[in-house]
Structure formats: structure tokens, C-alpha cells
C-alpha atoms as a PDB file:
ATOM      1  CA  UNK A   1       0.070   0.148   0.027  1.00  0.00           C
ATOM      2  CA  UNK A   2       0.698   3.543  -0.433  1.00  0.00           C
ATOM      3  CA  UNK A   3       2.298   5.390   2.566  1.00  0.00           C
ATOM      4  CA  UNK A   4      -0.035   6.707   5.194  1.00  0.00           C
ATOM      5  CA  UNK A   5      -0.149   9.997   7.280  1.00  0.00           C
ATOM      6  CA  UNK A   6      -1.423  10.918  10.622  1.00  0.00           C
ATOM      7  CA  UNK A   7      -2.216  14.261  12.011  1.00  0.00           C
ATOM      8  CA  UNK A   8      -0.078  14.232  15.474  1.00  0.00           C
ATOM      9  CA  UNK A   9       1.029  17.109  17.836  1.00  0.00           C
ATOM     10  CA  UNK A  10       4.516  16.943  18.849  1.00  0.00           C
ATOM     11  CA  UNK A  11       5.120  18.749  22.237  1.00  0.00           C
ATOM     12  CA  UNK A  12       8.350  20.331  23.110  1.00  0.00           C
ATOM     13  CA  UNK A  13      10.387  18.609  26.019  1.00  0.00           C
ATOM     14  CA  UNK A  14      11.786  21.900  26.965  1.00  0.00           C
ATOM     15  CA  UNK A  15       8.975  24.284  27.332  1.00  0.00           C
ATOM     16  CA  UNK A  16      11.169  27.041  28.846  1.00  0.00           C
ATOM     17  CA  UNK A  17      13.663  27.046  25.773  1.00  0.00           C
ATOM     18  CA  UNK A  18      11.549  26.492  22.831  1.00  0.00           C
ATOM     19  CA  UNK A  19      10.120  29.150  20.500  1.00  0.00           C
ATOM     20  CA  UNK A  20       6.655  27.426  20.329  1.00  0.00           C
ATOM     21  CA  UNK A  21       5.270  24.664  22.675  1.00  0.00           C
ATOM     22  CA  UNK A  22       3.779  22.363  20.213  1.00  0.00           C
ATOM     23  CA  UNK A  23       3.657  21.539  16.356  1.00  0.00           C
ATOM     24  CA  UNK A  24       0.488  19.675  14.960  1.00  0.00           C
ATOM     25  CA  UNK A  25       1.425  18.372  11.405  1.00  0.00           C
ATOM     26  CA  UNK A  26       1.004  15.236   9.203  1.00  0.00           C
ATOM     27  CA  UNK A  27       3.373  12.441  10.351  1.00  0.00           C
ATOM     28  CA  UNK A  28       4.564   9.924   7.748  1.00  0.00           C
ATOM     29  CA  UNK A  29       3.589   6.734   9.250  1.00  0.00           C
ATOM     30  CA  UNK A  30       5.040   3.418   7.928  1.00  0.00           C
ATOM     31  CA  UNK A  31       3.093   0.645  10.062  1.00  0.00           C
ATOM     32  CA  UNK A  32       5.409  -2.246   9.215  1.00  0.00           C
ATOM     33  CA  UNK A  33       9.314  -2.532   8.642  1.00  0.00           C
ATOM     34  CA  UNK A  34      10.146  -1.208   5.070  1.00  0.00           C
ATOM     35  CA  UNK A  35      13.181  -2.125   3.238  1.00  0.00           C
ATOM     36  CA  UNK A  36      12.863   1.217   0.833  1.00  0.00           C
ATOM     37  CA  UNK A  37      12.475   3.482   3.870  1.00  0.00           C
ATOM     38  CA  UNK A  38      15.449   1.725   5.763  1.00  0.00           C
ATOM     39  CA  UNK A  39      17.525   2.247   2.468  1.00  0.00           C
ATOM     40  CA  UNK A  40      16.990   5.992   3.110  1.00  0.00           C
ATOM     41  CA  UNK A  41      17.259   6.438   6.788  1.00  0.00           C
ATOM     42  CA  UNK A  42      18.903   3.365   8.200  1.00  0.00           C
ATOM     43  CA  UNK A  43      18.003   1.735  11.396  1.00  0.00           C
ATOM     44  CA  UNK A  44      16.425   4.923  13.213  1.00  0.00           C
ATOM     45  CA  UNK A  45      12.511   4.462  13.684  1.00  0.00           C
ATOM     46  CA  UNK A  46      11.516   8.092  14.630  1.00  0.00           C
ATOM     47  CA  UNK A  47      12.950  10.707  12.546  1.00  0.00           C
ATOM     48  CA  UNK A  48      12.246  14.755  12.649  1.00  0.00           C
ATOM     49  CA  UNK A  49      13.686  17.438  10.602  1.00  0.00           C
ATOM     50  CA  UNK A  50      15.830  19.956  11.997  1.00  0.00           C
ATOM     51  CA  UNK A  51      13.549  23.097  11.714  1.00  0.00           C
ATOM     52  CA  UNK A  52      10.942  21.158  13.592  1.00  0.00           C
ATOM     53  CA  UNK A  53      13.570  20.245  16.235  1.00  0.00           C
ATOM     54  CA  UNK A  54      14.950  23.738  16.376  1.00  0.00           C
ATOM     55  CA  UNK A  55      11.504  25.304  16.813  1.00  0.00           C
ATOM     56  CA  UNK A  56      10.510  22.754  19.577  1.00  0.00           C
ATOM     57  CA  UNK A  57      14.074  22.756  21.072  1.00  0.00           C
ATOM     58  CA  UNK A  58      14.521  19.011  20.584  1.00  0.00           C
ATOM     59  CA  UNK A  59      17.894  17.439  20.744  1.00  0.00           C
ATOM     60  CA  UNK A  60      19.061  14.276  19.178  1.00  0.00           C
ATOM     61  CA  UNK A  61      18.047  11.486  21.369  1.00  0.00           C
ATOM     62  CA  UNK A  62      15.250  13.340  23.435  1.00  0.00           C
ATOM     63  CA  UNK A  63      12.272  11.496  24.351  1.00  0.00           C
ATOM     64  CA  UNK A  64       9.561  13.296  22.707  1.00  0.00           C
ATOM     65  CA  UNK A  65       5.479  13.334  23.376  1.00  0.00           C
ATOM     66  CA  UNK A  66       3.413  12.569  19.923  1.00  0.00           C
ATOM     67  CA  UNK A  67      -0.252  13.237  20.493  1.00  0.00           C
ATOM     68  CA  UNK A  68      -3.006  11.488  18.352  1.00  0.00           C
ATOM     69  CA  UNK A  69      -5.516  13.959  19.380  1.00  0.00           C
ATOM     70  CA  UNK A  70      -8.413  12.452  17.496  1.00  0.00           C
ATOM     71  CA  UNK A  71      -7.878   9.264  19.331  1.00  0.00           C
ATOM     72  CA  UNK A  72      -6.880  10.498  22.582  1.00  0.00           C
ATOM     73  CA  UNK A  73      -3.558   8.765  22.565  1.00  0.00           C
ATOM     74  CA  UNK A  74      -0.171   9.950  23.523  1.00  0.00           C
ATOM     75  CA  UNK A  75       2.996   8.157  22.426  1.00  0.00           C
ATOM     76  CA  UNK A  76       6.663   8.787  24.120  1.00  0.00           C
ATOM     77  CA  UNK A  77       9.222   8.102  21.485  1.00  0.00           C
ATOM     78  CA  UNK A  78      12.951   8.719  21.285  1.00  0.00           C
ATOM     79  CA  UNK A  79      13.793  10.840  18.182  1.00  0.00           C
ATOM     80  CA  UNK A  80      16.750  11.353  15.832  1.00  0.00           C
ATOM     81  CA  UNK A  81      17.142  14.546  14.181  1.00  0.00           C
ATOM     82  CA  UNK A  82      17.646  14.068  10.339  1.00  0.00           C
ATOM     83  CA  UNK A  83      17.124  16.004   7.038  1.00  0.00           C
ATOM     84  CA  UNK A  84      17.298  12.961   4.593  1.00  0.00           C
ATOM     85  CA  UNK A  85      13.629  12.218   5.020  1.00  0.00           C
ATOM     86  CA  UNK A  86      10.818  13.142   2.348  1.00  0.00           C
ATOM     87  CA  UNK A  87       8.456  14.239   5.295  1.00  0.00           C
ATOM     88  CA  UNK A  88       8.947  16.401   8.349  1.00  0.00           C
ATOM     89  CA  UNK A  89       8.502  13.551  10.781  1.00  0.00           C
ATOM     90  CA  UNK A  90       8.760   9.787  10.063  1.00  0.00           C
ATOM     91  CA  UNK A  91       7.465   7.146  12.350  1.00  0.00           C
ATOM     92  CA  UNK A  92       8.705   3.871  11.026  1.00  0.00           C
ATOM     93  CA  UNK A  93       7.732   0.250  12.117  1.00  0.00           C
ATOM     94  CA  UNK A  94       5.101   0.556  14.704  1.00  0.00           C
ATOM     95  CA  UNK A  95       5.677  -3.168  15.899  1.00  0.00           C
ATOM     96  CA  UNK A  96       9.033  -2.863  16.972  1.00  0.00           C
ATOM     97  CA  UNK A  97       8.286   0.542  18.680  1.00  0.00           C
ATOM     98  CA  UNK A  98       5.623  -1.543  20.566  1.00  0.00           C
ATOM     99  CA  UNK A  99       2.877   0.826  19.466  1.00  0.00           C
ATOM    100  CA  UNK A 100       0.401  -1.689  17.943  1.00  0.00           C
ATOM    101  CA  UNK A 101      -0.788  -5.255  18.560  1.00  0.00           C
ATOM    102  CA  UNK A 102      -1.711  -6.039  14.994  1.00  0.00           C
ATOM    103  CA  UNK A 103      -1.922  -4.660  11.522  1.00  0.00           C
ATOM    104  CA  UNK A 104      -4.131  -5.406   8.410  1.00  0.00           C
ATOM    105  CA  UNK A 105      -5.138  -3.820   5.252  1.00  0.00           C
ATOM    106  CA  UNK A 106      -8.071  -2.057   4.368  1.00  0.00           C
ATOM    107  CA  UNK A 107      -9.507  -0.449   1.200  1.00  0.00           C
ATOM    108  CA  UNK A 108      -8.371   2.970   2.592  1.00  0.00           C
ATOM    109  CA  UNK A 109      -5.400   2.380   4.372  1.00  0.00           C
ATOM    110  CA  UNK A 110      -3.536  -0.066   7.068  1.00  0.00           C
ATOM    111  CA  UNK A 111      -5.834  -0.964  10.094  1.00  0.00           C
ATOM    112  CA  UNK A 112      -3.831  -0.562  13.367  1.00  0.00           C
ATOM    113  CA  UNK A 113      -5.109  -2.084  16.708  1.00  0.00           C
ATOM    114  CA  UNK A 114      -3.249  -0.075  19.310  1.00  0.00           C
ATOM    115  CA  UNK A 115      -1.800  -1.748  22.551  1.00  0.00           C
ATOM    116  CA  UNK A 116      -4.728   0.322  24.384  1.00  0.00           C
ATOM    117  CA  UNK A 117      -7.249  -1.574  22.178  1.00  0.00           C
ATOM    118  CA  UNK A 118      -8.266   1.263  20.198  1.00  0.00           C
ATOM    119  CA  UNK A 119      -8.409   0.755  16.212  1.00  0.00           C
ATOM    120  CA  UNK A 120      -7.489   3.249  13.866  1.00  0.00           C
ATOM    121  CA  UNK A 121      -7.050   3.468  10.240  1.00  0.00           C
ATOM    122  CA  UNK A 122      -3.748   5.015   8.582  1.00  0.00           C
ATOM    123  CA  UNK A 123      -5.210   6.935   5.707  1.00  0.00           C
ATOM    124  CA  UNK A 124      -3.087   6.461   2.390  1.00  0.00           C
ATOM    125  CA  UNK A 125      -1.519   9.642   0.849  1.00  0.00           C
ATOM    126  CA  UNK A 126       0.398  10.302  -2.276  1.00  0.00           C
ATOM    127  CA  UNK A 127       2.984  12.970  -1.007  1.00  0.00           C
ATOM    128  CA  UNK A 128       5.623  10.859   0.848  1.00  0.00           C
ATOM    129  CA  UNK A 129       5.489   7.938  -1.319  1.00  0.00           C
ATOM    130  CA  UNK A 130       9.013   6.889  -2.424  1.00  0.00           C
ATOM    131  CA  UNK A 131       9.493   4.232  -5.113  1.00  0.00           C
ATOM    132  CA  UNK A 132       7.457   6.057  -7.713  1.00  0.00           C
ATOM    133  CA  UNK A 133       7.193   7.593 -11.198  1.00  0.00           C
ATOM    134  CA  UNK A 134       6.762  11.294 -10.705  1.00  0.00           C
ATOM    135  CA  UNK A 135       4.202  13.017 -12.741  1.00  0.00           C
ATOM    136  CA  UNK A 136       4.659  16.821 -12.796  1.00  0.00           C
ATOM    137  CA  UNK A 137       1.500  18.411 -13.548  1.00  0.00           C
ATOM    138  CA  UNK A 138      -1.050  20.922 -12.485  1.00  0.00           C
ATOM    139  CA  UNK A 139      -0.863  24.410 -11.001  1.00  0.00           C
ATOM    140  CA  UNK A 140      -1.388  25.761  -7.450  1.00  0.00           C
ATOM    141  CA  UNK A 141      -1.292  29.072  -5.938  1.00  0.00           C
ATOM    142  CA  UNK A 142       0.428  29.564  -2.376  1.00  0.00           C
ATOM    143  CA  UNK A 143      -0.826  32.730  -0.236  1.00  0.00           C
ATOM    144  CA  UNK A 144       1.483  33.899   2.469  1.00  0.00           C
ATOM    145  CA  UNK A 145       1.505  36.483   5.026  1.00  0.00           C
ATOM    146  CA  UNK A 146       3.177  37.375   8.477  1.00  0.00           C
ATOM    147  CA  UNK A 147       1.962  39.539  11.552  1.00  0.00           C
ATOM    148  CA  UNK A 148       3.938  41.252  14.111  1.00  0.00           C
ATOM    149  CA  UNK A 149       1.843  43.062  16.811  1.00  0.00           C
ATOM    150  CA  UNK A 150       3.466  46.486  17.993  1.00  0.00           C
ATOM    151  CA  UNK A 151       5.911  45.858  15.348  1.00  0.00           C
ATOM    152  CA  UNK A 152       8.626  44.853  16.279  1.00  0.00           C
ATOM    153  CA  UNK A 153       7.996  44.846  20.008  1.00  0.00           C
ATOM    154  CA  UNK A 154       5.289  41.868  20.361  1.00  0.00           C
ATOM    155  CA  UNK A 155       4.168  38.562  19.588  1.00  0.00           C
ATOM    156  CA  UNK A 156       4.617  37.360  15.935  1.00  0.00           C
ATOM    157  CA  UNK A 157       3.387  34.752  13.594  1.00  0.00           C
ATOM    158  CA  UNK A 158       2.936  33.585  10.045  1.00  0.00           C
ATOM    159  CA  UNK A 159       0.381  31.780   7.807  1.00  0.00           C
ATOM    160  CA  UNK A 160       0.135  30.040   4.538  1.00  0.00           C
ATOM    161  CA  UNK A 161      -2.357  28.426   2.250  1.00  0.00           C
ATOM    162  CA  UNK A 162      -1.950  26.607  -1.062  1.00  0.00           C
ATOM    163  CA  UNK A 163      -4.987  26.185  -3.274  1.00  0.00           C
ATOM    164  CA  UNK A 164      -5.488  24.513  -6.716  1.00  0.00           C
ATOM    165  CA  UNK A 165      -5.641  26.663  -9.640  1.00  0.00           C
ATOM    166  CA  UNK A 166      -9.137  25.480 -10.668  1.00  0.00           C
ATOM    167  CA  UNK A 167     -12.664  26.647 -10.722  1.00  0.00           C
ATOM    168  CA  UNK A 168     -13.262  26.169  -6.875  1.00  0.00           C
ATOM    169  CA  UNK A 169      -9.665  27.106  -5.775  1.00  0.00           C
ATOM    170  CA  UNK A 170      -9.673  23.736  -4.018  1.00  0.00           C
ATOM    171  CA  UNK A 171      -7.469  23.858  -0.832  1.00  0.00           C
ATOM    172  CA  UNK A 172      -4.801  21.402  -0.649  1.00  0.00           C
ATOM    173  CA  UNK A 173      -2.437  22.562   2.255  1.00  0.00           C
ATOM    174  CA  UNK A 174      -2.805  25.592   5.091  1.00  0.00           C
ATOM    175  CA  UNK A 175      -0.864  26.433   8.111  1.00  0.00           C
ATOM    176  CA  UNK A 176       0.298  28.731  10.686  1.00  0.00           C
ATOM    177  CA  UNK A 177       3.064  29.165  13.145  1.00  0.00           C
ATOM    178  CA  UNK A 178       4.022  31.130  16.361  1.00  0.00           C
ATOM    179  CA  UNK A 179       7.773  32.813  16.057  1.00  0.00           C
ATOM    180  CA  UNK A 180       8.111  34.305  19.508  1.00  0.00           C
ATOM    181  CA  UNK A 181       8.674  38.009  20.239  1.00  0.00           C
ATOM    182  CA  UNK A 182      10.300  41.201  18.820  1.00  0.00           C
ATOM    183  CA  UNK A 183      10.581  40.195  15.354  1.00  0.00           C
ATOM    184  CA  UNK A 184       9.498  42.502  12.169  1.00  0.00           C
ATOM    185  CA  UNK A 185       6.645  42.082  10.331  1.00  0.00           C
ATOM    186  CA  UNK A 186       9.000  41.703   7.152  1.00  0.00           C
ATOM    187  CA  UNK A 187      10.596  38.773   8.973  1.00  0.00           C
ATOM    188  CA  UNK A 188       7.342  37.052   9.636  1.00  0.00           C
ATOM    189  CA  UNK A 189       6.597  37.494   5.735  1.00  0.00           C
ATOM    190  CA  UNK A 190       9.618  35.576   4.824  1.00  0.00           C
ATOM    191  CA  UNK A 191       8.842  32.773   7.459  1.00  0.00           C
ATOM    192  CA  UNK A 192       5.276  32.412   6.092  1.00  0.00           C
ATOM    193  CA  UNK A 193       6.869  32.126   2.571  1.00  0.00           C
ATOM    194  CA  UNK A 194       9.479  29.642   3.629  1.00  0.00           C
ATOM    195  CA  UNK A 195       7.052  27.236   5.218  1.00  0.00           C
ATOM    196  CA  UNK A 196       4.694  27.622   2.327  1.00  0.00           C
ATOM    197  CA  UNK A 197       7.530  26.997  -0.016  1.00  0.00           C
ATOM    198  CA  UNK A 198       8.472  23.727   1.947  1.00  0.00           C
ATOM    199  CA  UNK A 199       4.935  22.276   1.259  1.00  0.00           C
ATOM    200  CA  UNK A 200       4.181  23.738  -1.990  1.00  0.00           C
ATOM    201  CA  UNK A 201       7.356  22.289  -3.643  1.00  0.00           C
ATOM    202  CA  UNK A 202       6.236  18.870  -2.564  1.00  0.00           C
ATOM    203  CA  UNK A 203       3.278  18.639  -4.743  1.00  0.00           C
ATOM    204  CA  UNK A 204       5.052  17.811  -8.019  1.00  0.00           C
ATOM    205  CA  UNK A 205       3.412  20.878  -9.831  1.00  0.00           C
ATOM    206  CA  UNK A 206       4.409  22.413 -13.044  1.00  0.00           C
ATOM    207  CA  UNK A 207       3.595  25.868 -11.672  1.00  0.00           C
ATOM    208  CA  UNK A 208       3.591  27.311  -8.264  1.00  0.00           C
ATOM    209  CA  UNK A 209       2.382  30.765  -8.338  1.00  0.00           C
ATOM    210  CA  UNK A 210       3.250  32.805  -5.054  1.00  0.00           C
ATOM    211  CA  UNK A 211       1.182  35.638  -4.093  1.00  0.00           C
ATOM    212  CA  UNK A 212       1.819  38.086  -1.024  1.00  0.00           C
ATOM    213  CA  UNK A 213       0.386  41.661  -0.146  1.00  0.00           C
ATOM    214  CA  UNK A 214       4.163  42.635   0.862  1.00  0.00           C
ATOM    215  CA  UNK A 215       5.574  44.669  -2.031  1.00  0.00           C
ATOM    216  CA  UNK A 216       9.102  44.516  -0.531  1.00  0.00           C
ATOM    217  CA  UNK A 217       9.311  40.611  -0.206  1.00  0.00           C
ATOM    218  CA  UNK A 218       7.794  40.024  -3.635  1.00  0.00           C
ATOM    219  CA  UNK A 219      10.163  42.370  -5.222  1.00  0.00           C
ATOM    220  CA  UNK A 220      13.039  40.993  -3.317  1.00  0.00           C
ATOM    221  CA  UNK A 221      12.267  37.456  -4.492  1.00  0.00           C
ATOM    222  CA  UNK A 222      11.819  38.804  -8.106  1.00  0.00           C
ATOM    223  CA  UNK A 223      15.353  40.424  -7.930  1.00  0.00           C
ATOM    224  CA  UNK A 224      13.599  44.035  -8.566  1.00  0.00           C
ATOM    225  CA  UNK A 225      14.683  45.210  -5.003  1.00  0.00           C
ATOM    226  CA  UNK A 226      17.863  44.703  -2.878  1.00  0.00           C
ATOM    227  CA  UNK A 227      17.916  42.871   0.410  1.00  0.00           C
ATOM    228  CA  UNK A 228      19.973  45.079   2.996  1.00  0.00           C
ATOM    229  CA  UNK A 229      18.726  44.067   6.162  1.00  0.00           C
ATOM    230  CA  UNK A 230      21.083  41.408   7.540  1.00  0.00           C
ATOM    231  CA  UNK A 231      18.112  39.382   9.278  1.00  0.00           C
ATOM    232  CA  UNK A 232      16.088  39.461   5.875  1.00  0.00           C
ATOM    233  CA  UNK A 233      19.156  38.378   3.936  1.00  0.00           C
ATOM    234  CA  UNK A 234      19.051  35.130   5.980  1.00  0.00           C
ATOM    235  CA  UNK A 235      15.505  34.355   5.189  1.00  0.00           C
ATOM    236  CA  UNK A 236      15.885  35.395   1.730  1.00  0.00           C
ATOM    237  CA  UNK A 237      18.591  32.936   1.165  1.00  0.00           C
ATOM    238  CA  UNK A 238      16.643  30.253   2.948  1.00  0.00           C
ATOM    239  CA  UNK A 239      13.800  30.856   0.337  1.00  0.00           C
ATOM    240  CA  UNK A 240      16.097  30.964  -2.881  1.00  0.00           C
ATOM    241  CA  UNK A 241      17.623  27.750  -1.656  1.00  0.00           C
ATOM    242  CA  UNK A 242      14.464  26.136  -1.173  1.00  0.00           C
ATOM    243  CA  UNK A 243      13.526  26.940  -4.906  1.00  0.00           C
ATOM    244  CA  UNK A 244      16.949  26.314  -6.235  1.00  0.00           C
ATOM    245  CA  UNK A 245      16.671  22.735  -4.745  1.00  0.00           C
ATOM    246  CA  UNK A 246      13.022  22.293  -6.262  1.00  0.00           C
ATOM    247  CA  UNK A 247      12.643  20.080  -9.340  1.00  0.00           C
ATOM    248  CA  UNK A 248      13.651  21.696 -12.648  1.00  0.00           C
ATOM    249  CA  UNK A 249      10.030  20.953 -13.837  1.00  0.00           C
ATOM    250  CA  UNK A 250       8.437  23.299 -11.321  1.00  0.00           C
ATOM    251  CA  UNK A 251       8.153  27.130 -12.299  1.00  0.00           C
ATOM    252  CA  UNK A 252       7.850  29.177  -9.358  1.00  0.00           C
ATOM    253  CA  UNK A 253       6.635  32.880 -10.141  1.00  0.00           C
ATOM    254  CA  UNK A 254       5.925  35.606  -7.612  1.00  0.00           C
ATOM    255  CA  UNK A 255       2.894  38.060  -7.715  1.00  0.00           C
ATOM    256  CA  UNK A 256       2.257  41.243  -5.439  1.00  0.00           C
ATOM    257  CA  UNK A 257      -1.685  41.036  -4.543  1.00  0.00           C
ATOM    258  CA  UNK A 258      -3.800  43.593  -2.488  1.00  0.00           C
ATOM    259  CA  UNK A 259      -4.616  42.940   0.960  1.00  0.00           C
ATOM    260  CA  UNK A 260      -8.163  41.938   0.219  1.00  0.00           C
ATOM    261  CA  UNK A 261      -6.962  39.158  -1.893  1.00  0.00           C
ATOM    262  CA  UNK A 262      -4.675  37.701   0.951  1.00  0.00           C
ATOM    263  CA  UNK A 263      -7.269  37.669   3.847  1.00  0.00           C
ATOM    264  CA  UNK A 264      -6.924  34.117   4.787  1.00  0.00           C
ATOM    265  CA  UNK A 265      -3.203  34.017   4.695  1.00  0.00           C
ATOM    266  CA  UNK A 266      -3.405  37.108   7.117  1.00  0.00           C
ATOM    267  CA  UNK A 267      -5.934  35.329   9.479  1.00  0.00           C
ATOM    268  CA  UNK A 268      -3.839  32.228   9.735  1.00  0.00           C
ATOM    269  CA  UNK A 269      -0.719  34.402  10.685  1.00  0.00           C
ATOM    270  CA  UNK A 270      -2.971  36.027  13.376  1.00  0.00           C
ATOM    271  CA  UNK A 271      -4.152  32.684  14.433  1.00  0.00           C
ATOM    272  CA  UNK A 272      -0.442  31.414  14.965  1.00  0.00           C
ATOM    273  CA  UNK A 273      -0.026  34.395  17.348  1.00  0.00           C
ATOM    274  CA  UNK A 274      -3.408  33.657  19.206  1.00  0.00           C
ATOM    275  CA  UNK A 275      -2.718  30.200  19.870  1.00  0.00           C
ATOM    276  CA  UNK A 276       1.044  30.028  20.191  1.00  0.00           C
ATOM    277  CA  UNK A 277       1.278  26.837  18.433  1.00  0.00           C
ATOM    278  CA  UNK A 278       2.100  25.678  14.938  1.00  0.00           C
ATOM    279  CA  UNK A 279      -0.071  23.863  12.710  1.00  0.00           C
ATOM    280  CA  UNK A 280       0.023  22.282   8.988  1.00  0.00           C
ATOM    281  CA  UNK A 281      -3.140  20.661   7.642  1.00  0.00           C
ATOM    282  CA  UNK A 282      -3.295  18.749   4.520  1.00  0.00           C
ATOM    283  CA  UNK A 283      -6.331  17.873   2.479  1.00  0.00           C
ATOM    284  CA  UNK A 284      -5.385  14.445   1.507  1.00  0.00           C
ATOM    285  CA  UNK A 285      -8.331  13.969  -0.775  1.00  0.00           C
ATOM    286  CA  UNK A 286      -7.408  16.817  -2.829  1.00  0.00           C
ATOM    287  CA  UNK A 287      -3.609  16.316  -2.647  1.00  0.00           C
ATOM    288  CA  UNK A 288      -3.959  12.533  -3.736  1.00  0.00           C
ATOM    289  CA  UNK A 289      -6.232  13.524  -6.666  1.00  0.00           C
ATOM    290  CA  UNK A 290      -3.880  16.240  -7.794  1.00  0.00           C
ATOM    291  CA  UNK A 291      -0.619  14.048  -7.302  1.00  0.00           C
ATOM    292  CA  UNK A 292      -2.101  10.614  -8.641  1.00  0.00           C
ATOM    293  CA  UNK A 293       1.565   9.280  -8.529  1.00  0.00           C
ATOM    294  CA  UNK A 294       2.437   5.831 -10.286  1.00  0.00           C
ATOM    295  CA  UNK A 295       4.158   3.241  -8.118  1.00  0.00           C
ATOM    296  CA  UNK A 296       7.070   1.212  -9.627  1.00  0.00           C
END
């Protein structure tokens, strides 16, 4: 079967040192031991990317809480920090980790009976599939925004939303985050752009249309404006690096839009401030339909 994804909330083990206390996002869940996964990641079973670890003050080898909020379950798992995974978080081989009693296959994904007796279905998804023939097609729009209350002396957040370029503007992915205190609105605009690019460039698109209401950031990314601020230079380079490492089949373009056309991204950025947590949600029905990968 195709890989699965579960929405889990990862909690910081060092709440006093972390930028944000929790990050809820899709976790790449591989129920049984997979040789193809092991070829890429080795023997480590729970992996997390560095940018997630940094935000949550997670160190290599920490035991971290993973909340499956929908099922009322919490797993405490030792993690390794690695960037050689297709997703942001990987939980591999649930048997060896002692999380499940048995696993069976269903029409919509693997069915796992947890040690607690609860049964959950691991929904299939296309984004993190490994052994596959990639088909680059379709267009999507990424809207991003940032917020800094009492700029730059208050709490800050970012938001992004990715939709298909179809008649209904079907939502693919949305997210928001909290970034602590005393950062400028321009810094937060870049944070929304960077996190949006991370997810948008996983969609095997022919064209990713990036829209923001910051004339400064859009024109800096287009090369029309110079980047003079040292803090913005760092963020600018991160965004450019993501694009440079994206597939050559994906064309990324930048477009300035008025604020009234960027209201959802603005709402998400402020939600990051209000909740003081990070969140990414994928509409797997739309994502799977868009990607439609072909396994080897």
C-alpha cells in the first residue's frame, strides 16, 4: 500500500527554551518495517527534521510526546534529528516501537490495533511515497503572510495557504505558526513564505504561483529590490535555496496582490499568534487527486 499520514501534535520537551510549545502536522507513518524506507534512513525509527526540532527545542535522542488528538492517545518516543526524509516527521515500524498489537490492510489504508485496544486507520497519501514514477502536472497558488503586533516589539506569527488553480480554488494545504517576540513584520512575511514553499514544492507541480501583499518581499524575491537588512538576507537565502533545490519541472513565480486578496493568509498568521502553536493541515483527498503518482 501507499504510505500513510497521521495528524499528530508534537510537544516540546523543553517548554522554557522552545520558540513554540507544540507543532501539529502530518506525520509520515509506516506501519510495518519497510526495506525502501530503511535504504534512505537506516535503522532509526523516529526521525524529525531540524527546522521542527529547532522550533521545539528538541535535541538528538530526546524522548518526545506525540499526541494523536483524534484518538486520545499519546506516544513517548525517542527521536533522531535528520533531514534525509521525504516528510518532516517519520514514524517507522510501529511493531518494533511497541505501539500496535496487529496490523491489517483495508481499502483506505492500513488498520492498526493499538496497545490500548483502540483501532485506527492509517489513511493513504501520495505526497511521501518513495518508490514511484513522478508525474509533474497542475498549477497551484501559495498565499503567505506575516504578523507582528506592536511591530517589532510584540508577539509574531505567520500563515500560508495553498490552493489548486481550478474553478473552486480547492484547498490543498494550510498552515500557521508562532515565532516568539520582537521580530519584524517583514521577517514574519518571509517565515510564511518559507514554510509555504516547503509544502508547495512537495506537490509535483508544473507551476507554483506565489502571492503576497508585501511589495518588499515579492520584489526582493523577483530580484527587483535589493535585500539590505542582515536578518532578511538570511531568510531570503533560505527561500532562494528552497527554490534552487526544487525540481526543474516546477516553475515558481511571484506576484504582488492587494491585502483584500490575501485575507486567509493574514487570518492564519494571526491565528499563530493567538494560539501560540504551529499547525499544518493537508486535505489529503485533494492532494492525492492532484498528485496521482504511479508506483514502480
